[in-house]
Amino acid sequence: NTQKQGGVVEIHRCGQALCGRVVDGAPLRANPDQ
């Protein structure tokens, strides 16, 4: 959970490192095509 607007970032492997992508948030629930 991020600090803002109910955001959620998923941290995952990307090659030999770690990366993170947006998977949820209040604005995205209102408009998934944001």
PDB file of all heavy atoms in Angstrom:
ATOM      1  N   ASN A   1       0.860  -1.187   0.000  1.00  0.00           N
ATOM      2  CA  ASN A   1       0.000   0.000   0.000  1.00  0.00           C
ATOM      3  C   ASN A   1       0.889   1.226   0.000  1.00  0.00           C
ATOM      4  O   ASN A   1       1.772   1.361   0.847  1.00  0.00           O
ATOM      5  CB  ASN A   1      -0.871   0.036   1.261  1.00  0.00           C
ATOM      6  CG  ASN A   1      -1.873  -1.080   1.297  1.00  0.00           C
ATOM      7  OD1 ASN A   1      -2.653  -1.265   0.383  1.00  0.00           O
ATOM      8  ND2 ASN A   1      -1.855  -1.851   2.380  1.00  0.00           N
ATOM      9  N   THR A   2       0.635   2.144  -0.927  1.00  0.00           N
ATOM     10  CA  THR A   2       1.386   3.395  -0.960  1.00  0.00           C
ATOM     11  C   THR A   2       0.717   4.388  -0.013  1.00  0.00           C
ATOM     12  O   THR A   2      -0.309   4.095   0.578  1.00  0.00           O
ATOM     13  CB  THR A   2       1.432   3.976  -2.389  1.00  0.00           C
ATOM     14  OG1 THR A   2       0.123   4.383  -2.763  1.00  0.00           O
ATOM     15  CG2 THR A   2       1.975   2.959  -3.378  1.00  0.00           C
ATOM     16  N   GLN A   3       1.275   5.563   0.119  1.00  0.00           N
ATOM     17  CA  GLN A   3       0.727   6.576   1.030  1.00  0.00           C
ATOM     18  C   GLN A   3      -0.456   7.321   0.453  1.00  0.00           C
ATOM     19  O   GLN A   3      -1.173   7.989   1.182  1.00  0.00           O
ATOM     20  CB  GLN A   3       1.817   7.599   1.382  1.00  0.00           C
ATOM     21  CG  GLN A   3       2.783   7.124   2.412  1.00  0.00           C
ATOM     22  CD  GLN A   3       3.745   8.217   2.818  1.00  0.00           C
ATOM     23  OE1 GLN A   3       4.887   7.942   3.014  1.00  0.00           O
ATOM     24  NE2 GLN A   3       3.320   9.451   2.951  1.00  0.00           N
ATOM     25  N   LYS A   4      -0.652   7.273  -0.859  1.00  0.00           N
ATOM     26  CA  LYS A   4      -1.634   8.156  -1.485  1.00  0.00           C
ATOM     27  C   LYS A   4      -2.760   7.397  -2.170  1.00  0.00           C
ATOM     28  O   LYS A   4      -2.528   6.394  -2.849  1.00  0.00           O
ATOM     29  CB  LYS A   4      -0.946   9.030  -2.521  1.00  0.00           C
ATOM     30  CG  LYS A   4       0.117   9.945  -1.952  1.00  0.00           C
ATOM     31  CD  LYS A   4       0.742  10.739  -3.076  1.00  0.00           C
ATOM     32  CE  LYS A   4       1.873  11.605  -2.596  1.00  0.00           C
ATOM     33  NZ  LYS A   4       2.499  12.313  -3.704  1.00  0.00           N
ATOM     34  N   GLN A   5      -3.965   7.875  -2.020  1.00  0.00           N
ATOM     35  CA  GLN A   5      -5.156   7.474  -2.759  1.00  0.00           C
ATOM     36  C   GLN A   5      -5.372   5.966  -2.842  1.00  0.00           C
ATOM     37  O   GLN A   5      -5.824   5.454  -3.856  1.00  0.00           O
ATOM     38  CB  GLN A   5      -5.124   8.077  -4.163  1.00  0.00           C
ATOM     39  CG  GLN A   5      -5.151   9.588  -4.130  1.00  0.00           C
ATOM     40  CD  GLN A   5      -5.439  10.172  -5.492  1.00  0.00           C
ATOM     41  OE1 GLN A   5      -6.147   9.584  -6.296  1.00  0.00           O
ATOM     42  NE2 GLN A   5      -4.906  11.345  -5.746  1.00  0.00           N
ATOM     43  N   GLY A   6      -5.051   5.257  -1.776  1.00  0.00           N
ATOM     44  CA  GLY A   6      -5.291   3.816  -1.754  1.00  0.00           C
ATOM     45  C   GLY A   6      -4.491   3.055  -2.787  1.00  0.00           C
ATOM     46  O   GLY A   6      -4.888   1.973  -3.215  1.00  0.00           O
ATOM     47  N   GLY A   7      -3.370   3.594  -3.189  1.00  0.00           N
ATOM     48  CA  GLY A   7      -2.544   2.960  -4.211  1.00  0.00           C
ATOM     49  C   GLY A   7      -1.921   1.664  -3.738  1.00  0.00           C
ATOM     50  O   GLY A   7      -1.617   1.498  -2.557  1.00  0.00           O
ATOM     51  N   VAL A   8      -1.744   0.731  -4.674  1.00  0.00           N
ATOM     52  CA  VAL A   8      -1.064  -0.531  -4.392  1.00  0.00           C
ATOM     53  C   VAL A   8      -0.048  -0.766  -5.506  1.00  0.00           C
ATOM     54  O   VAL A   8      -0.379  -0.704  -6.695  1.00  0.00           O
ATOM     55  CB  VAL A   8      -2.050  -1.716  -4.319  1.00  0.00           C
ATOM     56  CG1 VAL A   8      -1.299  -3.031  -4.092  1.00  0.00           C
ATOM     57  CG2 VAL A   8      -3.079  -1.495  -3.221  1.00  0.00           C
ATOM     58  N   VAL A   9       1.191  -1.043  -5.095  1.00  0.00           N
ATOM     59  CA  VAL A   9       2.274  -1.372  -6.025  1.00  0.00           C
ATOM     60  C   VAL A   9       2.694  -2.804  -5.739  1.00  0.00           C
ATOM     61  O   VAL A   9       2.893  -3.185  -4.589  1.00  0.00           O
ATOM     62  CB  VAL A   9       3.472  -0.409  -5.858  1.00  0.00           C
ATOM     63  CG1 VAL A   9       4.678  -0.887  -6.653  1.00  0.00           C
ATOM     64  CG2 VAL A   9       3.083   0.997  -6.290  1.00  0.00           C
ATOM     65  N   GLU A  10       2.821  -3.582  -6.801  1.00  0.00           N
ATOM     66  CA  GLU A  10       3.292  -4.956  -6.669  1.00  0.00           C
ATOM     67  C   GLU A  10       4.766  -5.004  -7.028  1.00  0.00           C
ATOM     68  O   GLU A  10       5.146  -4.636  -8.151  1.00  0.00           O
ATOM     69  CB  GLU A  10       2.503  -5.878  -7.591  1.00  0.00           C
ATOM     70  CG  GLU A  10       2.945  -7.330  -7.491  1.00  0.00           C
ATOM     71  CD  GLU A  10       2.118  -8.201  -8.389  1.00  0.00           C
ATOM     72  OE1 GLU A  10       2.214  -8.030  -9.629  1.00  0.00           O
ATOM     73  OE2 GLU A  10       1.374  -9.028  -7.863  1.00  0.00           O
ATOM     74  N   ILE A  11       5.591  -5.432  -6.078  1.00  0.00           N
ATOM     75  CA  ILE A  11       7.024  -5.594  -6.330  1.00  0.00           C
ATOM     76  C   ILE A  11       7.251  -7.030  -6.781  1.00  0.00           C
ATOM     77  O   ILE A  11       6.748  -7.971  -6.171  1.00  0.00           O
ATOM     78  CB  ILE A  11       7.854  -5.236  -5.080  1.00  0.00           C
ATOM     79  CG1 ILE A  11       7.664  -3.746  -4.744  1.00  0.00           C
ATOM     80  CG2 ILE A  11       9.330  -5.566  -5.303  1.00  0.00           C
ATOM     81  CD1 ILE A  11       8.404  -3.271  -3.511  1.00  0.00           C
ATOM     82  N   HIS A  12       8.005  -7.173  -7.883  1.00  0.00           N
ATOM     83  CA  HIS A  12       8.211  -8.484  -8.499  1.00  0.00           C
ATOM     84  C   HIS A  12       9.619  -8.559  -9.085  1.00  0.00           C
ATOM     85  O   HIS A  12      10.304  -7.540  -9.222  1.00  0.00           O
ATOM     86  CB  HIS A  12       7.158  -8.712  -9.597  1.00  0.00           C
ATOM     87  CG  HIS A  12       7.170  -7.629 -10.638  1.00  0.00           C
ATOM     88  ND1 HIS A  12       7.921  -7.706 -11.783  1.00  0.00           N
ATOM     89  CD2 HIS A  12       6.547  -6.423 -10.682  1.00  0.00           C
ATOM     90  CE1 HIS A  12       7.749  -6.612 -12.501  1.00  0.00           C
ATOM     91  NE2 HIS A  12       6.920  -5.814 -11.854  1.00  0.00           N
ATOM     92  N   ARG A  13      10.035  -9.761  -9.431  1.00  0.00           N
ATOM     93  CA  ARG A  13      11.329  -9.932 -10.099  1.00  0.00           C
ATOM     94  C   ARG A  13      11.228  -9.441 -11.538  1.00  0.00           C
ATOM     95  O   ARG A  13      10.217  -9.660 -12.203  1.00  0.00           O
ATOM     96  CB  ARG A  13      11.714 -11.406 -10.116  1.00  0.00           C
ATOM     97  CG  ARG A  13      12.232 -11.904  -8.820  1.00  0.00           C
ATOM     98  CD  ARG A  13      12.784 -13.325  -8.987  1.00  0.00           C
ATOM     99  NE  ARG A  13      13.133 -13.843  -7.689  1.00  0.00           N
ATOM    100  CZ  ARG A  13      12.301 -14.475  -6.890  1.00  0.00           C
ATOM    101  NH1 ARG A  13      11.065 -14.696  -7.275  1.00  0.00           N
ATOM    102  NH2 ARG A  13      12.686 -14.902  -5.709  1.00  0.00           N
ATOM    103  N   CYS A  14      12.298  -8.815 -12.000  1.00  0.00           N
ATOM    104  CA  CYS A  14      12.424  -8.454 -13.414  1.00  0.00           C
ATOM    105  C   CYS A  14      13.886  -8.701 -13.782  1.00  0.00           C
ATOM    106  O   CYS A  14      14.746  -7.892 -13.490  1.00  0.00           O
ATOM    107  CB  CYS A  14      11.966  -7.023 -13.689  1.00  0.00           C
ATOM    108  SG  CYS A  14      12.812  -5.746 -12.756  1.00  0.00           S
ATOM    109  N   GLY A  15      14.142  -9.848 -14.342  1.00  0.00           N
ATOM    110  CA  GLY A  15      15.518 -10.243 -14.610  1.00  0.00           C
ATOM    111  C   GLY A  15      16.244 -10.514 -13.312  1.00  0.00           C
ATOM    112  O   GLY A  15      15.730 -11.216 -12.440  1.00  0.00           O
ATOM    113  N   GLN A  16      17.400  -9.913 -13.136  1.00  0.00           N
ATOM    114  CA  GLN A  16      18.203 -10.106 -11.929  1.00  0.00           C
ATOM    115  C   GLN A  16      17.878  -9.097 -10.833  1.00  0.00           C
ATOM    116  O   GLN A  16      18.529  -9.066  -9.807  1.00  0.00           O
ATOM    117  CB  GLN A  16      19.693 -10.007 -12.273  1.00  0.00           C
ATOM    118  CG  GLN A  16      20.164 -11.057 -13.249  1.00  0.00           C
ATOM    119  CD  GLN A  16      20.043 -12.460 -12.672  1.00  0.00           C
ATOM    120  OE1 GLN A  16      20.388 -12.705 -11.529  1.00  0.00           O
ATOM    121  NE2 GLN A  16      19.513 -13.380 -13.467  1.00  0.00           N
ATOM    122  N   ALA A  17      16.876  -8.259 -11.065  1.00  0.00           N
ATOM    123  CA  ALA A  17      16.554  -7.176 -10.126  1.00  0.00           C
ATOM    124  C   ALA A  17      15.085  -7.255  -9.715  1.00  0.00           C
ATOM    125  O   ALA A  17      14.379  -8.198 -10.060  1.00  0.00           O
ATOM    126  CB  ALA A  17      16.840  -5.833 -10.795  1.00  0.00           C
ATOM    127  N   LEU A  18      14.656  -6.256  -8.968  1.00  0.00           N
ATOM    128  CA  LEU A  18      13.264  -6.122  -8.567  1.00  0.00           C
ATOM    129  C   LEU A  18      12.672  -4.869  -9.202  1.00  0.00           C
ATOM    130  O   LEU A  18      13.357  -3.858  -9.347  1.00  0.00           O
ATOM    131  CB  LEU A  18      13.143  -6.018  -7.046  1.00  0.00           C
ATOM    132  CG  LEU A  18      13.554  -7.251  -6.256  1.00  0.00           C
ATOM    133  CD1 LEU A  18      13.472  -6.967  -4.762  1.00  0.00           C
ATOM    134  CD2 LEU A  18      12.699  -8.450  -6.604  1.00  0.00           C
ATOM    135  N   CYS A  19      11.406  -4.969  -9.568  1.00  0.00           N
ATOM    136  CA  CYS A  19      10.681  -3.847 -10.150  1.00  0.00           C
ATOM    137  C   CYS A  19       9.327  -3.757  -9.465  1.00  0.00           C
ATOM    138  O   CYS A  19       8.939  -4.666  -8.727  1.00  0.00           O
ATOM    139  CB  CYS A  19      10.479  -4.060 -11.652  1.00  0.00           C
ATOM    140  SG  CYS A  19      12.019  -4.070 -12.592  1.00  0.00           S
ATOM    141  N   GLY A  20       8.609  -2.675  -9.700  1.00  0.00           N
ATOM    142  CA  GLY A  20       7.282  -2.523  -9.125  1.00  0.00           C
ATOM    143  C   GLY A  20       6.332  -1.909 -10.130  1.00  0.00           C
ATOM    144  O   GLY A  20       6.727  -1.049 -10.923  1.00  0.00           O
ATOM    145  N   ARG A  21       5.073  -2.369 -10.091  1.00  0.00           N
ATOM    146  CA  ARG A  21       4.064  -1.847 -11.013  1.00  0.00           C
ATOM    147  C   ARG A  21       2.786  -1.527 -10.249  1.00  0.00           C
ATOM    148  O   ARG A  21       2.479  -2.163  -9.235  1.00  0.00           O
ATOM    149  CB  ARG A  21       3.795  -2.825 -12.144  1.00  0.00           C
ATOM    150  CG  ARG A  21       3.186  -4.114 -11.671  1.00  0.00           C
ATOM    151  CD  ARG A  21       2.862  -5.052 -12.831  1.00  0.00           C
ATOM    152  NE  ARG A  21       2.585  -6.370 -12.295  1.00  0.00           N
ATOM    153  CZ  ARG A  21       3.252  -7.456 -12.573  1.00  0.00           C
ATOM    154  NH1 ARG A  21       4.249  -7.400 -13.415  1.00  0.00           N
ATOM    155  NH2 ARG A  21       2.932  -8.605 -12.024  1.00  0.00           N
ATOM    156  N   VAL A  22       2.038  -0.569 -10.749  1.00  0.00           N
ATOM    157  CA  VAL A  22       0.770  -0.158 -10.152  1.00  0.00           C
ATOM    158  C   VAL A  22      -0.266  -1.248 -10.422  1.00  0.00           C
ATOM    159  O   VAL A  22      -0.451  -1.660 -11.566  1.00  0.00           O
ATOM    160  CB  VAL A  22       0.285   1.183 -10.752  1.00  0.00           C
ATOM    161  CG1 VAL A  22      -1.084   1.548 -10.218  1.00  0.00           C
ATOM    162  CG2 VAL A  22       1.299   2.287 -10.484  1.00  0.00           C
ATOM    163  N   VAL A  23      -0.945  -1.706  -9.351  1.00  0.00           N
ATOM    164  CA  VAL A  23      -1.986  -2.724  -9.521  1.00  0.00           C
ATOM    165  C   VAL A  23      -3.343  -2.292  -8.965  1.00  0.00           C
ATOM    166  O   VAL A  23      -4.342  -2.957  -9.218  1.00  0.00           O
ATOM    167  CB  VAL A  23      -1.573  -4.086  -8.917  1.00  0.00           C
ATOM    168  CG1 VAL A  23      -0.384  -4.660  -9.669  1.00  0.00           C
ATOM    169  CG2 VAL A  23      -1.284  -3.976  -7.434  1.00  0.00           C
ATOM    170  N   ASP A  24      -3.398  -1.185  -8.212  1.00  0.00           N
ATOM    171  CA  ASP A  24      -4.678  -0.732  -7.665  1.00  0.00           C
ATOM    172  C   ASP A  24      -4.540   0.697  -7.163  1.00  0.00           C
ATOM    173  O   ASP A  24      -3.448   1.213  -6.988  1.00  0.00           O
ATOM    174  CB  ASP A  24      -5.115  -1.642  -6.520  1.00  0.00           C
ATOM    175  CG  ASP A  24      -6.588  -1.475  -6.155  1.00  0.00           C
ATOM    176  OD1 ASP A  24      -7.337  -0.840  -6.924  1.00  0.00           O
ATOM    177  OD2 ASP A  24      -6.992  -1.977  -5.092  1.00  0.00           O
ATOM    178  N   GLY A  25      -5.681   1.319  -6.917  1.00  0.00           N
ATOM    179  CA  GLY A  25      -5.747   2.670  -6.376  1.00  0.00           C
ATOM    180  C   GLY A  25      -7.154   3.201  -6.529  1.00  0.00           C
ATOM    181  O   GLY A  25      -7.893   2.773  -7.430  1.00  0.00           O
ATOM    182  N   ALA A  26      -7.552   4.114  -5.667  1.00  0.00           N
ATOM    183  CA  ALA A  26      -8.902   4.670  -5.724  1.00  0.00           C
ATOM    184  C   ALA A  26      -9.218   5.260  -7.101  1.00  0.00           C
ATOM    185  O   ALA A  26     -10.281   4.984  -7.655  1.00  0.00           O
ATOM    186  CB  ALA A  26      -9.092   5.703  -4.616  1.00  0.00           C
ATOM    187  N   PRO A  27      -8.332   6.055  -7.703  1.00  0.00           N
ATOM    188  CA  PRO A  27      -8.644   6.588  -9.030  1.00  0.00           C
ATOM    189  C   PRO A  27      -8.803   5.491 -10.086  1.00  0.00           C
ATOM    190  O   PRO A  27      -9.603   5.618 -11.005  1.00  0.00           O
ATOM    191  CB  PRO A  27      -7.444   7.480  -9.358  1.00  0.00           C
ATOM    192  CG  PRO A  27      -6.841   7.821  -8.040  1.00  0.00           C
ATOM    193  CD  PRO A  27      -7.088   6.626  -7.173  1.00  0.00           C
ATOM    194  N   LEU A  28      -8.060   4.392  -9.925  1.00  0.00           N
ATOM    195  CA  LEU A  28      -8.154   3.291 -10.890  1.00  0.00           C
ATOM    196  C   LEU A  28      -9.445   2.501 -10.721  1.00  0.00           C
ATOM    197  O   LEU A  28      -9.974   1.969 -11.694  1.00  0.00           O
ATOM    198  CB  LEU A  28      -6.955   2.357 -10.754  1.00  0.00           C
ATOM    199  CG  LEU A  28      -5.634   2.942 -11.226  1.00  0.00           C
ATOM    200  CD1 LEU A  28      -4.486   2.022 -10.872  1.00  0.00           C
ATOM    201  CD2 LEU A  28      -5.676   3.198 -12.718  1.00  0.00           C
ATOM    202  N   ARG A  29      -9.946   2.427  -9.502  1.00  0.00           N
ATOM    203  CA  ARG A  29     -11.239   1.756  -9.302  1.00  0.00           C
ATOM    204  C   ARG A  29     -12.359   2.585  -9.926  1.00  0.00           C
ATOM    205  O   ARG A  29     -13.318   2.029 -10.445  1.00  0.00           O
ATOM    206  CB  ARG A  29     -11.481   1.508  -7.815  1.00  0.00           C
ATOM    207  CG  ARG A  29     -10.574   0.392  -7.261  1.00  0.00           C
ATOM    208  CD  ARG A  29     -10.934  -0.004  -5.851  1.00  0.00           C
ATOM    209  NE  ARG A  29     -10.687   1.023  -4.861  1.00  0.00           N
ATOM    210  CZ  ARG A  29      -9.507   1.275  -4.296  1.00  0.00           C
ATOM    211  NH1 ARG A  29      -8.448   0.564  -4.641  1.00  0.00           N
ATOM    212  NH2 ARG A  29      -9.372   2.225  -3.403  1.00  0.00           N
ATOM    213  N   ALA A  30     -12.206   3.903  -9.902  1.00  0.00           N
ATOM    214  CA  ALA A  30     -13.205   4.787 -10.521  1.00  0.00           C
ATOM    215  C   ALA A  30     -13.062   4.786 -12.045  1.00  0.00           C
ATOM    216  O   ALA A  30     -14.058   4.872 -12.757  1.00  0.00           O
ATOM    217  CB  ALA A  30     -13.056   6.209  -9.981  1.00  0.00           C
ATOM    218  N   ASN A  31     -11.824   4.691 -12.536  1.00  0.00           N
ATOM    219  CA  ASN A  31     -11.566   4.713 -13.976  1.00  0.00           C
ATOM    220  C   ASN A  31     -10.388   3.779 -14.278  1.00  0.00           C
ATOM    221  O   ASN A  31      -9.238   4.214 -14.288  1.00  0.00           O
ATOM    222  CB  ASN A  31     -11.245   6.132 -14.442  1.00  0.00           C
ATOM    223  CG  ASN A  31     -10.867   6.188 -15.907  1.00  0.00           C
ATOM    224  OD1 ASN A  31     -11.072   5.245 -16.659  1.00  0.00           O
ATOM    225  ND2 ASN A  31     -10.290   7.304 -16.321  1.00  0.00           N
ATOM    226  N   PRO A  32     -10.665   2.488 -14.530  1.00  0.00           N
ATOM    227  CA  PRO A  32      -9.583   1.527 -14.785  1.00  0.00           C
ATOM    228  C   PRO A  32      -8.731   1.871 -16.010  1.00  0.00           C
ATOM    229  O   PRO A  32      -7.619   1.387 -16.143  1.00  0.00           O
ATOM    230  CB  PRO A  32     -10.311   0.202 -15.004  1.00  0.00           C
ATOM    231  CG  PRO A  32     -11.666   0.398 -14.421  1.00  0.00           C
ATOM    232  CD  PRO A  32     -11.968   1.860 -14.517  1.00  0.00           C
ATOM    233  N   ASP A  33      -9.243   2.709 -16.881  1.00  0.00           N
ATOM    234  CA  ASP A  33      -8.519   3.089 -18.094  1.00  0.00           C
ATOM    235  C   ASP A  33      -7.744   4.402 -17.914  1.00  0.00           C
ATOM    236  O   ASP A  33      -7.338   5.033 -18.893  1.00  0.00           O
ATOM    237  CB  ASP A  33      -9.506   3.216 -19.265  1.00  0.00           C
ATOM    238  CG  ASP A  33      -8.790   3.167 -20.603  1.00  0.00           C
ATOM    239  OD1 ASP A  33      -7.857   2.359 -20.752  1.00  0.00           O
ATOM    240  OD2 ASP A  33      -9.168   3.960 -21.488  1.00  0.00           O
ATOM    241  N   GLN A  34      -7.519   4.811 -16.687  1.00  0.00           N
ATOM    242  CA  GLN A  34      -6.817   6.066 -16.401  1.00  0.00           C
ATOM    243  C   GLN A  34      -5.465   6.099 -17.116  1.00  0.00           C
ATOM    244  O   GLN A  34      -4.745   5.107 -17.156  1.00  0.00           O
ATOM    245  CB  GLN A  34      -6.624   6.212 -14.895  1.00  0.00           C
ATOM    246  CG  GLN A  34      -5.897   7.477 -14.501  1.00  0.00           C
ATOM    247  CD  GLN A  34      -5.672   7.553 -12.989  1.00  0.00           C
ATOM    248  OE1 GLN A  34      -6.095   6.704 -12.237  1.00  0.00           O
ATOM    249  NE2 GLN A  34      -4.993   8.583 -12.571  1.00  0.00           N
TER     250      GLN A  34
END
